[in-house]
Each structure stands twice: as structure tokens, then as C-alpha cells.
Amino acid sequence: MNRTPLFPATAGVRPEALSGTGIRATPGSGAGPVPVPVPAAVRFRAACPDCRGRFELTASALRLAIGASRRTTFYTFTCPECGASVRKPAGERIIELLTGGGVRTLRLHTAR
């Protein structure tokens, strides 16, 4: 097992006290997952098929749905220019970019 610390060792300073990391420890938590900070300035280029507008959207303006097939894996947003609801397919690369940029993700489950 690799025991390399996530943060540089600083004498007498706990990792959660290091400034500039954007990561804070949850009180009472053990060795749980560490959240990955996402820059607030992340923006995604998009286009509306209805009005043909091109614009940039923040992560909060997009939603990603991951289903069991290509047909049920997509992202959605509302066009800021015409107000249309837009749904576009999301392949593997799009999924990586959107999740890495902080877009909220919904996992769709199939009925058994």
C-alpha cells in the first residue's frame, strides 16, 4: 500500500489546516473520501438546436443523466437565449468533462 501523504508534511500543522487547498476535513470523520475541488470559473460551451445560439454555461446550469445505454445517457440544459429545454447525448468523453467540471449527475436505474 502506498503511504505517500496527500498533502506535504508541515511540522505541527494538520493537513486540513493548510490554506489554499479548498479542502476541509469533516469533523469526526476517519479516513474517508477527499472531495476534489472544482474551480468556480469552469464553463462549458454549448449550442441550442432551436435558435442556433452559442453560449457558455456554468456547471449549475447543466444536468447529466447516466443510463444503461447510449440512448439513456444524456445531458440537459435550458437555452439562455430562447428558453428551450435541450437534451443532447453524452458519450464517454462528455461524461468525463461534465463530471470533472462539477455538473450534477443522476444515475438512472433500470426496472428489474
N, C-alpha and C. Protein backbone atom coordinates (compact mmCIF):
# COMPACT_ATOMS: atom_id res chain seq x y z
N MET A 1 0.84 -1.17 0.00
CA MET A 1 0.00 0.00 0.00
C MET A 1 0.89 1.24 0.00
N ASN A 2 0.58 2.21 -0.82
CA ASN A 2 1.34 3.44 -0.91
C ASN A 2 0.93 4.36 0.23
N ARG A 3 1.87 4.74 1.06
CA ARG A 3 1.58 5.59 2.21
C ARG A 3 2.04 7.03 1.98
N THR A 4 2.14 7.46 0.74
CA THR A 4 2.53 8.81 0.43
C THR A 4 1.43 9.76 0.87
N PRO A 5 1.75 10.79 1.67
CA PRO A 5 0.70 11.70 2.14
C PRO A 5 0.12 12.52 0.99
N LEU A 6 -1.16 12.85 1.14
CA LEU A 6 -1.84 13.65 0.13
C LEU A 6 -1.33 15.08 0.14
N PHE A 7 -1.01 15.59 1.33
CA PHE A 7 -0.52 16.94 1.48
C PHE A 7 0.94 16.91 1.90
N PRO A 8 1.71 17.95 1.62
CA PRO A 8 3.10 17.98 2.07
C PRO A 8 3.16 18.02 3.58
N ALA A 9 4.15 17.36 4.14
CA ALA A 9 4.30 17.35 5.59
C ALA A 9 4.77 18.71 6.06
N THR A 10 4.07 19.24 7.06
CA THR A 10 4.44 20.52 7.64
C THR A 10 4.44 20.32 9.15
N ALA A 11 5.52 20.61 9.80
CA ALA A 11 5.65 20.34 11.23
C ALA A 11 4.57 21.05 12.02
N GLY A 12 3.79 20.26 12.78
CA GLY A 12 2.79 20.81 13.68
C GLY A 12 1.52 21.30 13.02
N VAL A 13 1.35 21.12 11.73
CA VAL A 13 0.16 21.60 11.04
C VAL A 13 -0.61 20.42 10.46
N ARG A 14 -1.89 20.33 10.80
CA ARG A 14 -2.71 19.26 10.26
C ARG A 14 -3.05 19.58 8.80
N PRO A 15 -3.19 18.56 7.94
CA PRO A 15 -3.47 18.81 6.52
C PRO A 15 -4.69 19.68 6.29
N GLU A 16 -5.76 19.53 7.12
CA GLU A 16 -6.97 20.31 6.89
C GLU A 16 -6.77 21.79 7.21
N ALA A 17 -5.65 22.11 7.86
CA ALA A 17 -5.38 23.50 8.20
C ALA A 17 -4.54 24.21 7.14
N LEU A 18 -4.11 23.49 6.11
CA LEU A 18 -3.31 24.12 5.06
C LEU A 18 -4.20 25.04 4.24
N SER A 19 -3.79 26.27 4.12
CA SER A 19 -4.61 27.22 3.36
C SER A 19 -4.40 27.04 1.87
N GLY A 20 -5.39 27.43 1.11
CA GLY A 20 -5.29 27.38 -0.34
C GLY A 20 -5.63 26.05 -0.97
N THR A 21 -5.96 25.04 -0.18
CA THR A 21 -6.27 23.74 -0.77
C THR A 21 -7.72 23.64 -1.18
N GLY A 22 -8.61 24.39 -0.50
CA GLY A 22 -10.03 24.31 -0.82
C GLY A 22 -10.69 23.07 -0.26
N ILE A 23 -9.94 22.28 0.51
CA ILE A 23 -10.47 21.04 1.07
C ILE A 23 -10.45 21.14 2.58
N ARG A 24 -11.57 20.81 3.20
CA ARG A 24 -11.66 20.82 4.64
C ARG A 24 -12.07 19.44 5.12
N ALA A 25 -11.53 19.02 6.25
CA ALA A 25 -11.89 17.73 6.83
C ALA A 25 -13.25 17.83 7.50
N THR A 26 -14.02 16.76 7.43
CA THR A 26 -15.30 16.70 8.11
C THR A 26 -15.03 16.33 9.55
N PRO A 27 -15.56 17.11 10.52
CA PRO A 27 -15.30 16.79 11.92
C PRO A 27 -15.76 15.37 12.26
N GLY A 28 -14.92 14.64 12.97
CA GLY A 28 -15.26 13.30 13.39
C GLY A 28 -15.10 12.25 12.31
N SER A 29 -14.65 12.65 11.14
CA SER A 29 -14.51 11.67 10.06
C SER A 29 -13.16 10.98 10.15
N GLY A 30 -13.13 9.75 9.73
CA GLY A 30 -11.88 9.00 9.70
C GLY A 30 -11.21 9.21 8.38
N ALA A 31 -10.75 8.15 7.79
CA ALA A 31 -10.08 8.21 6.50
C ALA A 31 -11.10 8.02 5.40
N GLY A 32 -11.95 8.98 5.20
CA GLY A 32 -12.99 8.90 4.18
C GLY A 32 -12.53 9.50 2.88
N PRO A 33 -13.41 9.56 1.89
CA PRO A 33 -13.04 10.15 0.61
C PRO A 33 -12.75 11.64 0.76
N VAL A 34 -11.83 12.11 -0.03
CA VAL A 34 -11.46 13.52 -0.02
C VAL A 34 -12.11 14.18 -1.22
N PRO A 35 -12.91 15.24 -1.01
CA PRO A 35 -13.53 15.91 -2.15
C PRO A 35 -12.50 16.59 -3.03
N VAL A 36 -12.73 16.56 -4.31
CA VAL A 36 -11.83 17.20 -5.26
C VAL A 36 -12.38 18.59 -5.56
N PRO A 37 -11.61 19.63 -5.28
CA PRO A 37 -12.11 20.98 -5.52
C PRO A 37 -12.25 21.24 -7.02
N VAL A 38 -13.32 21.93 -7.38
CA VAL A 38 -13.59 22.30 -8.77
C VAL A 38 -13.53 23.82 -8.84
N PRO A 39 -12.73 24.38 -9.74
CA PRO A 39 -12.67 25.83 -9.85
C PRO A 39 -14.04 26.42 -10.16
N ALA A 40 -14.34 27.54 -9.51
CA ALA A 40 -15.64 28.18 -9.70
C ALA A 40 -15.82 28.71 -11.12
N ALA A 41 -14.73 28.92 -11.84
CA ALA A 41 -14.80 29.52 -13.16
C ALA A 41 -14.99 28.50 -14.29
N VAL A 42 -15.27 27.23 -13.97
CA VAL A 42 -15.45 26.23 -15.02
C VAL A 42 -16.71 26.58 -15.82
N ARG A 43 -16.55 26.65 -17.13
CA ARG A 43 -17.68 26.95 -18.01
C ARG A 43 -17.64 25.98 -19.18
N PHE A 44 -18.81 25.65 -19.71
CA PHE A 44 -18.93 24.71 -20.81
C PHE A 44 -19.56 25.41 -22.00
N ARG A 45 -18.98 25.17 -23.17
CA ARG A 45 -19.57 25.72 -24.40
C ARG A 45 -20.72 24.83 -24.83
N ALA A 46 -21.80 25.46 -25.26
CA ALA A 46 -22.97 24.71 -25.70
C ALA A 46 -23.65 25.47 -26.83
N ALA A 47 -24.56 24.78 -27.50
CA ALA A 47 -25.32 25.39 -28.59
C ALA A 47 -26.76 24.90 -28.52
N CYS A 48 -27.67 25.74 -28.93
CA CYS A 48 -29.09 25.39 -28.94
C CYS A 48 -29.49 24.96 -30.35
N PRO A 49 -30.09 23.78 -30.50
CA PRO A 49 -30.53 23.35 -31.83
C PRO A 49 -31.75 24.12 -32.33
N ASP A 50 -32.50 24.76 -31.43
CA ASP A 50 -33.71 25.51 -31.83
C ASP A 50 -33.37 26.88 -32.40
N CYS A 51 -32.65 27.69 -31.61
CA CYS A 51 -32.36 29.06 -32.07
C CYS A 51 -30.96 29.20 -32.67
N ARG A 52 -30.17 28.13 -32.62
CA ARG A 52 -28.80 28.11 -33.13
C ARG A 52 -27.85 29.02 -32.35
N GLY A 53 -28.26 29.41 -31.15
CA GLY A 53 -27.42 30.25 -30.31
C GLY A 53 -26.23 29.46 -29.77
N ARG A 54 -25.12 30.16 -29.58
CA ARG A 54 -23.92 29.56 -28.98
C ARG A 54 -23.60 30.37 -27.74
N PHE A 55 -23.24 29.68 -26.65
CA PHE A 55 -23.05 30.35 -25.38
C PHE A 55 -22.22 29.47 -24.47
N GLU A 56 -21.88 30.00 -23.30
CA GLU A 56 -21.17 29.24 -22.27
C GLU A 56 -22.08 29.09 -21.06
N LEU A 57 -22.03 27.91 -20.44
CA LEU A 57 -22.86 27.62 -19.27
C LEU A 57 -21.99 27.21 -18.09
N THR A 58 -22.44 27.54 -16.90
CA THR A 58 -21.76 27.08 -15.69
C THR A 58 -22.21 25.65 -15.40
N ALA A 59 -21.50 24.98 -14.51
CA ALA A 59 -21.85 23.60 -14.14
C ALA A 59 -23.25 23.53 -13.56
N SER A 60 -23.68 24.56 -12.84
CA SER A 60 -25.00 24.54 -12.22
C SER A 60 -26.14 24.63 -13.23
N ALA A 61 -25.84 25.05 -14.45
CA ALA A 61 -26.87 25.17 -15.49
C ALA A 61 -27.08 23.87 -16.26
N LEU A 62 -26.23 22.87 -16.01
CA LEU A 62 -26.31 21.60 -16.74
C LEU A 62 -26.70 20.46 -15.79
N ARG A 63 -27.32 19.42 -16.34
CA ARG A 63 -27.62 18.19 -15.62
C ARG A 63 -27.19 17.03 -16.50
N LEU A 64 -26.59 16.03 -15.89
CA LEU A 64 -26.13 14.84 -16.61
C LEU A 64 -26.91 13.64 -16.10
N ALA A 65 -27.47 12.86 -17.01
CA ALA A 65 -28.17 11.61 -16.65
C ALA A 65 -27.39 10.46 -17.28
N ILE A 66 -27.01 9.49 -16.45
CA ILE A 66 -26.26 8.33 -16.94
C ILE A 66 -27.15 7.11 -16.83
N GLY A 67 -27.48 6.54 -17.98
CA GLY A 67 -28.34 5.37 -18.02
C GLY A 67 -27.58 4.12 -18.42
N ALA A 68 -28.35 3.07 -18.68
CA ALA A 68 -27.76 1.78 -19.03
C ALA A 68 -27.32 1.69 -20.48
N SER A 69 -27.76 2.63 -21.31
CA SER A 69 -27.41 2.58 -22.73
C SER A 69 -27.05 3.98 -23.23
N ARG A 70 -26.60 4.04 -24.46
CA ARG A 70 -26.28 5.34 -25.07
C ARG A 70 -27.53 6.20 -25.19
N ARG A 71 -28.65 5.54 -25.42
CA ARG A 71 -29.91 6.28 -25.59
C ARG A 71 -30.38 6.94 -24.29
N THR A 72 -30.01 6.34 -23.16
CA THR A 72 -30.46 6.88 -21.88
C THR A 72 -29.35 7.62 -21.13
N THR A 73 -28.28 7.96 -21.83
CA THR A 73 -27.21 8.75 -21.24
C THR A 73 -27.16 10.08 -21.99
N PHE A 74 -27.43 11.16 -21.26
CA PHE A 74 -27.58 12.47 -21.92
C PHE A 74 -27.33 13.59 -20.91
N TYR A 75 -27.20 14.81 -21.44
CA TYR A 75 -27.14 15.98 -20.57
C TYR A 75 -28.20 16.96 -21.03
N THR A 76 -28.66 17.78 -20.11
CA THR A 76 -29.73 18.73 -20.41
C THR A 76 -29.35 20.12 -19.90
N PHE A 77 -29.95 21.11 -20.53
CA PHE A 77 -29.83 22.49 -20.08
C PHE A 77 -30.96 23.29 -20.71
N THR A 78 -31.18 24.48 -20.20
CA THR A 78 -32.17 25.39 -20.77
C THR A 78 -31.40 26.47 -21.52
N CYS A 79 -31.78 26.70 -22.77
CA CYS A 79 -31.11 27.70 -23.58
C CYS A 79 -31.33 29.09 -22.96
N PRO A 80 -30.26 29.81 -22.68
CA PRO A 80 -30.42 31.14 -22.09
C PRO A 80 -30.94 32.18 -23.08
N GLU A 81 -30.91 31.86 -24.37
CA GLU A 81 -31.34 32.82 -25.37
C GLU A 81 -32.82 32.67 -25.74
N CYS A 82 -33.30 31.42 -25.89
CA CYS A 82 -34.69 31.23 -26.30
C CYS A 82 -35.54 30.49 -25.26
N GLY A 83 -34.91 29.95 -24.22
CA GLY A 83 -35.65 29.27 -23.16
C GLY A 83 -36.03 27.83 -23.46
N ALA A 84 -35.56 27.29 -24.56
CA ALA A 84 -35.89 25.90 -24.92
C ALA A 84 -35.16 24.92 -24.01
N SER A 85 -35.82 23.82 -23.69
CA SER A 85 -35.17 22.73 -22.96
C SER A 85 -34.40 21.90 -23.98
N VAL A 86 -33.12 21.69 -23.74
CA VAL A 86 -32.26 21.00 -24.69
C VAL A 86 -31.76 19.71 -24.05
N ARG A 87 -31.82 18.63 -24.81
CA ARG A 87 -31.31 17.32 -24.37
C ARG A 87 -30.37 16.82 -25.45
N LYS A 88 -29.13 16.50 -25.05
CA LYS A 88 -28.13 16.03 -26.01
C LYS A 88 -27.49 14.75 -25.50
N PRO A 89 -27.10 13.84 -26.41
CA PRO A 89 -26.45 12.60 -25.99
C PRO A 89 -25.08 12.88 -25.36
N ALA A 90 -24.69 12.03 -24.41
CA ALA A 90 -23.40 12.19 -23.74
C ALA A 90 -22.60 10.91 -23.87
N GLY A 91 -21.53 10.97 -24.63
CA GLY A 91 -20.61 9.84 -24.74
C GLY A 91 -19.63 9.86 -23.58
N GLU A 92 -18.69 8.94 -23.60
CA GLU A 92 -17.73 8.81 -22.50
C GLU A 92 -16.94 10.08 -22.24
N ARG A 93 -16.47 10.72 -23.30
CA ARG A 93 -15.66 11.95 -23.13
C ARG A 93 -16.49 13.08 -22.52
N ILE A 94 -17.72 13.24 -22.97
CA ILE A 94 -18.61 14.27 -22.43
C ILE A 94 -18.88 14.00 -20.96
N ILE A 95 -19.11 12.73 -20.61
CA ILE A 95 -19.35 12.36 -19.22
C ILE A 95 -18.15 12.74 -18.36
N GLU A 96 -16.94 12.43 -18.83
CA GLU A 96 -15.72 12.78 -18.10
C GLU A 96 -15.60 14.29 -17.88
N LEU A 97 -15.84 15.05 -18.94
CA LEU A 97 -15.72 16.51 -18.84
C LEU A 97 -16.76 17.10 -17.89
N LEU A 98 -18.00 16.65 -18.00
CA LEU A 98 -19.06 17.22 -17.18
C LEU A 98 -18.90 16.84 -15.70
N THR A 99 -18.61 15.57 -15.43
CA THR A 99 -18.45 15.18 -14.03
C THR A 99 -17.20 15.82 -13.43
N GLY A 100 -16.14 15.92 -14.20
CA GLY A 100 -14.93 16.58 -13.73
C GLY A 100 -15.11 18.06 -13.48
N GLY A 101 -16.07 18.65 -14.17
CA GLY A 101 -16.35 20.08 -14.02
C GLY A 101 -17.41 20.39 -12.98
N GLY A 102 -17.89 19.37 -12.28
CA GLY A 102 -18.83 19.62 -11.19
C GLY A 102 -20.30 19.61 -11.55
N VAL A 103 -20.65 19.09 -12.73
CA VAL A 103 -22.06 19.04 -13.12
C VAL A 103 -22.78 17.97 -12.30
N ARG A 104 -23.97 18.31 -11.80
CA ARG A 104 -24.74 17.34 -11.02
C ARG A 104 -25.15 16.17 -11.90
N THR A 105 -25.00 14.97 -11.35
CA THR A 105 -25.23 13.74 -12.12
C THR A 105 -26.33 12.91 -11.50
N LEU A 106 -27.18 12.38 -12.35
CA LEU A 106 -28.26 11.49 -11.94
C LEU A 106 -28.00 10.14 -12.60
N ARG A 107 -27.95 9.08 -11.80
CA ARG A 107 -27.77 7.72 -12.35
C ARG A 107 -29.14 7.09 -12.50
N LEU A 108 -29.47 6.71 -13.72
CA LEU A 108 -30.76 6.10 -13.99
C LEU A 108 -30.64 4.59 -13.80
N HIS A 109 -31.61 4.01 -13.10
CA HIS A 109 -31.61 2.57 -12.86
C HIS A 109 -32.69 1.93 -13.73
N THR A 110 -32.41 0.73 -14.19
CA THR A 110 -33.40 0.01 -14.99
C THR A 110 -34.31 -0.80 -14.07
N ALA A 111 -35.55 -0.94 -14.48
CA ALA A 111 -36.51 -1.73 -13.70
C ALA A 111 -36.18 -3.21 -13.89
N ARG A 112 -36.26 -3.96 -12.82
CA ARG A 112 -35.95 -5.40 -12.91
C ARG A 112 -37.19 -6.19 -13.07
